[in-house]
Protein backbone atom coordinates (compact mmCIF):
# COMPACT_ATOMS: atom_id res chain seq x y z
CA MET A 1 140.92 25.24 120.08
CA THR A 2 139.86 22.16 117.34
CA ILE A 3 139.18 23.95 113.23
CA ASN A 4 135.60 22.84 114.18
CA GLU A 5 134.28 25.04 116.85
CA ARG A 6 136.77 27.13 115.41
CA GLU A 7 134.39 28.01 112.73
CA HIS A 8 131.71 27.67 114.90
CA LEU A 9 133.09 31.34 116.49
CA PHE A 10 133.17 32.96 113.31
CA HIS A 11 130.55 32.06 112.17
CA SER A 12 128.69 33.22 115.18
CA LYS A 13 130.40 36.29 114.52
CA TYR A 14 129.32 36.89 111.08
CA LEU A 15 125.35 36.66 112.55
CA HIS A 16 126.60 38.69 115.20
CA GLN A 17 128.15 40.67 112.73
CA LEU A 18 124.66 40.53 109.97
CA GLU A 19 122.16 41.51 112.81
CA GLN A 20 123.81 44.38 113.57
CA VAL A 21 124.24 45.90 110.24
CA ASP A 22 120.90 45.38 109.26
CA SER A 23 119.64 46.40 112.90
CA LEU A 24 121.78 50.28 111.52
CA ASN A 25 120.72 50.29 108.47
CA ARG A 26 117.21 50.24 110.12
CA VAL A 27 117.41 53.29 112.62
CA ASN A 28 119.58 54.62 109.08
CA ALA A 29 115.92 53.94 107.02
CA LEU A 30 114.48 55.09 110.32
CA LEU A 31 115.66 58.22 110.67
CA LEU A 32 116.09 59.96 107.31
CA PHE A 33 112.30 59.49 107.09
CA THR A 34 111.43 61.31 110.09
CA TYR A 35 114.06 63.88 108.79
CA TYR A 36 112.03 64.34 105.27
CA VAL A 37 108.57 64.20 106.85
CA PHE A 38 110.56 66.99 108.30
CA ILE A 39 111.26 68.97 105.79
CA ILE A 40 108.39 69.08 103.86
CA ILE A 41 106.51 70.41 107.25
CA VAL A 42 109.01 72.74 107.24
CA LEU A 43 109.36 74.09 103.52
CA TYR A 44 105.21 73.62 103.54
CA PHE A 45 105.75 76.76 106.52
CA LEU A 46 108.16 77.84 105.09
CA PHE A 47 105.91 77.72 100.78
CA THR A 48 102.57 79.43 103.19
CA LYS A 49 103.82 81.02 105.65
CA TYR A 50 107.01 83.75 104.42
CA ASP A 51 106.98 86.47 101.88
CA TYR A 52 110.36 84.90 100.49
CA SER A 53 111.36 85.38 96.64
CA ILE A 54 110.91 81.73 95.43
CA TYR A 55 113.99 81.39 93.96
CA THR A 56 115.79 82.27 98.22
CA LYS A 57 112.83 79.51 98.94
CA GLY A 58 113.99 77.38 96.30
CA ILE A 59 117.60 77.40 96.96
CA PHE A 60 116.54 76.72 100.43
CA SER A 61 114.27 73.32 99.48
CA VAL A 62 116.99 72.23 97.40
CA ILE A 63 120.07 72.08 100.59
CA ALA A 64 117.66 71.40 103.01
CA ILE A 65 116.61 68.29 100.23
CA SER A 66 119.93 67.14 99.65
CA TYR A 67 121.68 67.75 103.41
CA PRO A 68 121.25 64.48 103.48
CA PHE A 69 123.44 63.55 101.16
CA ILE A 70 126.07 65.47 101.39
CA VAL A 71 127.15 66.27 104.68
CA ASN A 72 129.22 63.51 104.62
CA PHE A 73 131.55 65.81 102.14
CA ILE A 74 131.33 68.64 104.76
CA GLU A 75 132.37 67.09 107.68
CA ASN A 76 135.15 65.30 105.70
CA SER A 77 136.67 69.05 104.51
CA ILE A 78 136.19 70.29 107.70
CA TYR A 79 138.45 67.82 109.05
CA ASN A 80 141.00 67.55 106.96
CA VAL A 81 141.88 70.96 106.94
CA ILE A 82 142.00 70.94 110.03
CA HIS A 83 143.86 68.54 110.23
CA TYR A 84 145.86 69.88 107.95
CA MET A 85 146.22 73.25 109.75
CA GLY A 86 147.49 71.69 113.10
CA ALA A 87 149.74 69.66 111.28
CA PHE A 88 151.08 72.94 109.21
CA ILE A 89 151.29 74.76 112.18
CA GLY A 90 152.86 72.22 114.14
CA GLY A 91 155.09 71.42 112.14
CA ILE A 92 154.36 67.68 112.10
CA PRO A 93 153.54 66.70 108.91
CA PRO A 94 150.07 64.31 108.67
CA ASP A 95 150.30 60.79 108.66
CA GLU A 96 149.22 59.21 105.32
CA LYS A 97 147.50 56.80 106.20
CA GLN A 98 144.86 58.61 108.45
CA LYS A 99 143.76 60.44 105.34
CA ILE A 100 140.47 59.60 104.70
């Protein structure tokens, strides 16, 4: 394989990865938009149809709006707790490379 063919291969791989990243970013934006439209509908019904206190409605609203930003932290925390509990019960020290 010559240097030119190798450069072409790496450039093709680079372009393919850029396309994949762009595609995934569009899907992520669409899902986030869909989530917020759904949350607006849910909050509308919560504030108009149900007779909860304003504090309960406010807390639910803040949690629902901030959920996409905190879910990754929650998932990683749960994964780490389960991983370390399994290592503690099994008596095997956790590998530092597996930490998130």
